[in-house]
């Protein structure tokens, strides 16, 4: 549909992304009580086994589980996301097109999306969700 030189952009540096912990931290006893969501909350009870770090309990989040600062917020393709609402937002990525990739916001209409994608191709900016809301127009 569109010529896609924007998809030819390569990231400046593509580092290997290492996650120290991929599974999520779950709230203590959220498996036992339906009223407790699984979203993490720090246990604050005076006798709580998890807060006192007894052996055999699940792990609590701490700063050591953080990602490498250089690979934090980096996607698998080596770019970082930058949300775009209009063509003027693309101008901000002009000097950073090897570091950031544009992501068109969910509430942008299909007409504006077409304009954003065309402008991104001119500026050689990668658009992550470039095929969104284009399928109906291809068939016409």
C-alpha atoms as a PDB file:
ATOM      1  CA  UNK A   1       0.000   0.000   0.000  1.00  0.00           C
ATOM      2  CA  UNK A   2       2.717   2.487   1.058  1.00  0.00           C
ATOM      3  CA  UNK A   3       6.343   2.307   0.069  1.00  0.00           C
ATOM      4  CA  UNK A   4       8.076   1.543   3.321  1.00  0.00           C
ATOM      5  CA  UNK A   5      11.539   3.093   3.624  1.00  0.00           C
ATOM      6  CA  UNK A   6      10.599   3.761   7.261  1.00  0.00           C
ATOM      7  CA  UNK A   7      10.847   0.051   7.954  1.00  0.00           C
ATOM      8  CA  UNK A   8      14.425   0.038   6.656  1.00  0.00           C
ATOM      9  CA  UNK A   9      15.715   2.166   9.564  1.00  0.00           C
ATOM     10  CA  UNK A  10      18.126   0.244  11.766  1.00  0.00           C
ATOM     11  CA  UNK A  11      18.666   1.072  15.447  1.00  0.00           C
ATOM     12  CA  UNK A  12      21.881   2.857  16.347  1.00  0.00           C
ATOM     13  CA  UNK A  13      22.977   0.166  18.811  1.00  0.00           C
ATOM     14  CA  UNK A  14      21.174  -3.133  19.274  1.00  0.00           C
ATOM     15  CA  UNK A  15      22.070  -4.572  22.653  1.00  0.00           C
ATOM     16  CA  UNK A  16      21.060  -7.935  24.013  1.00  0.00           C
ATOM     17  CA  UNK A  17      18.179  -7.407  26.441  1.00  0.00           C
ATOM     18  CA  UNK A  18      18.552  -9.394  29.668  1.00  0.00           C
ATOM     19  CA  UNK A  19      15.621  -9.605  32.052  1.00  0.00           C
ATOM     20  CA  UNK A  20      16.555 -10.621  35.597  1.00  0.00           C
ATOM     21  CA  UNK A  21      13.001 -11.720  36.409  1.00  0.00           C
ATOM     22  CA  UNK A  22      10.287 -12.208  33.817  1.00  0.00           C
ATOM     23  CA  UNK A  23       7.402 -13.457  35.959  1.00  0.00           C
ATOM     24  CA  UNK A  24       5.384 -10.934  37.944  1.00  0.00           C
ATOM     25  CA  UNK A  25       5.408 -10.299  41.671  1.00  0.00           C
ATOM     26  CA  UNK A  26       2.073 -11.391  43.091  1.00  0.00           C
ATOM     27  CA  UNK A  27       0.447 -10.104  46.246  1.00  0.00           C
ATOM     28  CA  UNK A  28       0.873 -12.294  49.321  1.00  0.00           C
ATOM     29  CA  UNK A  29      -2.054 -14.729  49.750  1.00  0.00           C
ATOM     30  CA  UNK A  30      -3.828 -13.450  46.611  1.00  0.00           C
ATOM     31  CA  UNK A  31      -4.141 -17.091  45.559  1.00  0.00           C
ATOM     32  CA  UNK A  32      -5.970 -17.863  48.798  1.00  0.00           C
ATOM     33  CA  UNK A  33      -8.494 -15.003  48.948  1.00  0.00           C
ATOM     34  CA  UNK A  34     -10.619 -13.936  46.013  1.00  0.00           C
ATOM     35  CA  UNK A  35     -11.020 -10.406  47.386  1.00  0.00           C
ATOM     36  CA  UNK A  36      -7.260  -9.759  47.036  1.00  0.00           C
ATOM     37  CA  UNK A  37      -6.093  -8.807  43.553  1.00  0.00           C
ATOM     38  CA  UNK A  38      -2.827 -10.217  42.266  1.00  0.00           C
ATOM     39  CA  UNK A  39      -1.384  -6.695  41.941  1.00  0.00           C
ATOM     40  CA  UNK A  40       1.630  -6.338  44.189  1.00  0.00           C
ATOM     41  CA  UNK A  41       1.166  -4.677  47.584  1.00  0.00           C
ATOM     42  CA  UNK A  42       3.895  -4.629  50.194  1.00  0.00           C
ATOM     43  CA  UNK A  43       2.954  -6.649  53.281  1.00  0.00           C
ATOM     44  CA  UNK A  44       2.860  -4.424  56.369  1.00  0.00           C
ATOM     45  CA  UNK A  45       1.741  -6.790  59.132  1.00  0.00           C
ATOM     46  CA  UNK A  46       3.866  -7.119  62.263  1.00  0.00           C
ATOM     47  CA  UNK A  47       3.941 -10.934  62.070  1.00  0.00           C
ATOM     48  CA  UNK A  48       3.940 -11.300  58.279  1.00  0.00           C
ATOM     49  CA  UNK A  49       6.224 -14.101  57.105  1.00  0.00           C
ATOM     50  CA  UNK A  50       6.819 -12.550  53.708  1.00  0.00           C
ATOM     51  CA  UNK A  51       7.809  -9.148  55.102  1.00  0.00           C
ATOM     52  CA  UNK A  52      10.172 -10.846  57.574  1.00  0.00           C
ATOM     53  CA  UNK A  53      11.717 -12.823  54.652  1.00  0.00           C
ATOM     54  CA  UNK A  54      11.220 -16.320  56.019  1.00  0.00           C
ATOM     55  CA  UNK A  55      12.695 -19.175  54.033  1.00  0.00           C
ATOM     56  CA  UNK A  56      10.384 -20.670  51.425  1.00  0.00           C
ATOM     57  CA  UNK A  57       8.287 -17.551  50.945  1.00  0.00           C
ATOM     58  CA  UNK A  58       7.985 -15.794  47.591  1.00  0.00           C
ATOM     59  CA  UNK A  59      10.319 -12.940  46.731  1.00  0.00           C
ATOM     60  CA  UNK A  60       9.499  -9.295  47.282  1.00  0.00           C
ATOM     61  CA  UNK A  61      10.382  -6.672  44.660  1.00  0.00           C
ATOM     62  CA  UNK A  62      13.612  -4.821  45.300  1.00  0.00           C
ATOM     63  CA  UNK A  63      15.910  -2.530  43.379  1.00  0.00           C
ATOM     64  CA  UNK A  64      18.216  -5.374  42.363  1.00  0.00           C
ATOM     65  CA  UNK A  65      15.603  -6.774  39.973  1.00  0.00           C
ATOM     66  CA  UNK A  66      15.742  -3.626  37.824  1.00  0.00           C
ATOM     67  CA  UNK A  67      16.713  -3.839  34.167  1.00  0.00           C
ATOM     68  CA  UNK A  68      19.949  -2.566  32.713  1.00  0.00           C
ATOM     69  CA  UNK A  69      19.587   1.195  32.297  1.00  0.00           C
ATOM     70  CA  UNK A  70      20.772   1.008  28.686  1.00  0.00           C
ATOM     71  CA  UNK A  71      18.170  -1.573  27.711  1.00  0.00           C
ATOM     72  CA  UNK A  72      15.275  -0.286  29.839  1.00  0.00           C
ATOM     73  CA  UNK A  73      12.164   0.527  27.739  1.00  0.00           C
ATOM     74  CA  UNK A  74      13.884  -0.864  24.620  1.00  0.00           C
ATOM     75  CA  UNK A  75      11.737  -2.980  22.307  1.00  0.00           C
ATOM     76  CA  UNK A  76      12.877  -6.235  20.722  1.00  0.00           C
ATOM     77  CA  UNK A  77      13.753  -4.414  17.497  1.00  0.00           C
ATOM     78  CA  UNK A  78      16.214  -2.125  19.330  1.00  0.00           C
ATOM     79  CA  UNK A  79      14.100   1.061  19.343  1.00  0.00           C
ATOM     80  CA  UNK A  80      12.330   2.902  22.133  1.00  0.00           C
ATOM     81  CA  UNK A  81       8.666   3.882  21.721  1.00  0.00           C
ATOM     82  CA  UNK A  82       7.556   7.459  21.146  1.00  0.00           C
ATOM     83  CA  UNK A  83       3.813   8.099  20.976  1.00  0.00           C
ATOM     84  CA  UNK A  84       2.724  10.309  18.084  1.00  0.00           C
ATOM     85  CA  UNK A  85      -0.627  12.076  17.743  1.00  0.00           C
ATOM     86  CA  UNK A  86       0.010  14.206  14.653  1.00  0.00           C
ATOM     87  CA  UNK A  87       2.610  14.966  11.989  1.00  0.00           C
ATOM     88  CA  UNK A  88       4.124  17.768  14.074  1.00  0.00           C
ATOM     89  CA  UNK A  89       5.134  15.216  16.722  1.00  0.00           C
ATOM     90  CA  UNK A  90       7.236  13.420  14.097  1.00  0.00           C
ATOM     91  CA  UNK A  91       9.498  16.474  13.792  1.00  0.00           C
ATOM     92  CA  UNK A  92      10.709  15.781  17.334  1.00  0.00           C
ATOM     93  CA  UNK A  93      12.137  12.464  16.140  1.00  0.00           C
ATOM     94  CA  UNK A  94      14.055  14.001  13.260  1.00  0.00           C
ATOM     95  CA  UNK A  95      17.453  13.779  14.976  1.00  0.00           C
ATOM     96  CA  UNK A  96      16.594  10.663  16.980  1.00  0.00           C
ATOM     97  CA  UNK A  97      15.246   8.338  14.286  1.00  0.00           C
ATOM     98  CA  UNK A  98      17.876   5.687  15.103  1.00  0.00           C
ATOM     99  CA  UNK A  99      16.950   5.622  18.805  1.00  0.00           C
ATOM    100  CA  UNK A 100      13.157   6.097  18.878  1.00  0.00           C
ATOM    101  CA  UNK A 101      10.396   4.613  16.764  1.00  0.00           C
ATOM    102  CA  UNK A 102       7.032   6.329  16.381  1.00  0.00           C
ATOM    103  CA  UNK A 103       3.917   4.648  17.715  1.00  0.00           C
ATOM    104  CA  UNK A 104       0.683   6.187  16.470  1.00  0.00           C
ATOM    105  CA  UNK A 105      -1.735   6.780  19.361  1.00  0.00           C
ATOM    106  CA  UNK A 106      -4.836   4.607  19.498  1.00  0.00           C
ATOM    107  CA  UNK A 107      -7.285   7.503  19.071  1.00  0.00           C
ATOM    108  CA  UNK A 108      -5.868   8.817  15.765  1.00  0.00           C
ATOM    109  CA  UNK A 109      -8.208   8.478  12.786  1.00  0.00           C
ATOM    110  CA  UNK A 110      -7.306   6.498   9.678  1.00  0.00           C
ATOM    111  CA  UNK A 111      -6.941   9.650   7.581  1.00  0.00           C
ATOM    112  CA  UNK A 112      -4.456  11.220   9.980  1.00  0.00           C
ATOM    113  CA  UNK A 113      -2.659   7.873  10.239  1.00  0.00           C
ATOM    114  CA  UNK A 114      -2.070   7.930   6.497  1.00  0.00           C
ATOM    115  CA  UNK A 115      -0.588  11.442   6.744  1.00  0.00           C
ATOM    116  CA  UNK A 116       1.631  10.455   9.667  1.00  0.00           C
ATOM    117  CA  UNK A 117       2.945   7.371   7.845  1.00  0.00           C
ATOM    118  CA  UNK A 118       3.716   9.355   4.685  1.00  0.00           C
ATOM    119  CA  UNK A 119       5.574  12.018   6.687  1.00  0.00           C
ATOM    120  CA  UNK A 120       7.456   9.330   8.632  1.00  0.00           C
ATOM    121  CA  UNK A 121       8.611   7.787   5.360  1.00  0.00           C
ATOM    122  CA  UNK A 122       9.925  11.170   4.216  1.00  0.00           C
ATOM    123  CA  UNK A 123      11.804  11.669   7.497  1.00  0.00           C
ATOM    124  CA  UNK A 124      13.033   8.039   7.564  1.00  0.00           C
ATOM    125  CA  UNK A 125      11.339   7.293  10.897  1.00  0.00           C
ATOM    126  CA  UNK A 126      10.208   3.798  11.822  1.00  0.00           C
ATOM    127  CA  UNK A 127       6.510   3.477  12.681  1.00  0.00           C
ATOM    128  CA  UNK A 128       5.739   0.496  14.892  1.00  0.00           C
ATOM    129  CA  UNK A 129       2.008   0.157  14.186  1.00  0.00           C
ATOM    130  CA  UNK A 130       1.994   1.344  10.573  1.00  0.00           C
ATOM    131  CA  UNK A 131      -0.629  -1.184   9.436  1.00  0.00           C
ATOM    132  CA  UNK A 132      -3.290  -0.188  11.970  1.00  0.00           C
ATOM    133  CA  UNK A 133      -6.679   0.800  10.499  1.00  0.00           C
ATOM    134  CA  UNK A 134      -5.520   0.410   6.902  1.00  0.00           C
ATOM    135  CA  UNK A 135      -7.132  -2.923   6.026  1.00  0.00           C
ATOM    136  CA  UNK A 136     -10.536  -1.487   5.084  1.00  0.00           C
ATOM    137  CA  UNK A 137      -8.984   1.019   2.688  1.00  0.00           C
ATOM    138  CA  UNK A 138      -6.887  -1.589   0.893  1.00  0.00           C
ATOM    139  CA  UNK A 139      -9.995  -3.503  -0.178  1.00  0.00           C
ATOM    140  CA  UNK A 140     -11.679  -0.399  -1.604  1.00  0.00           C
END
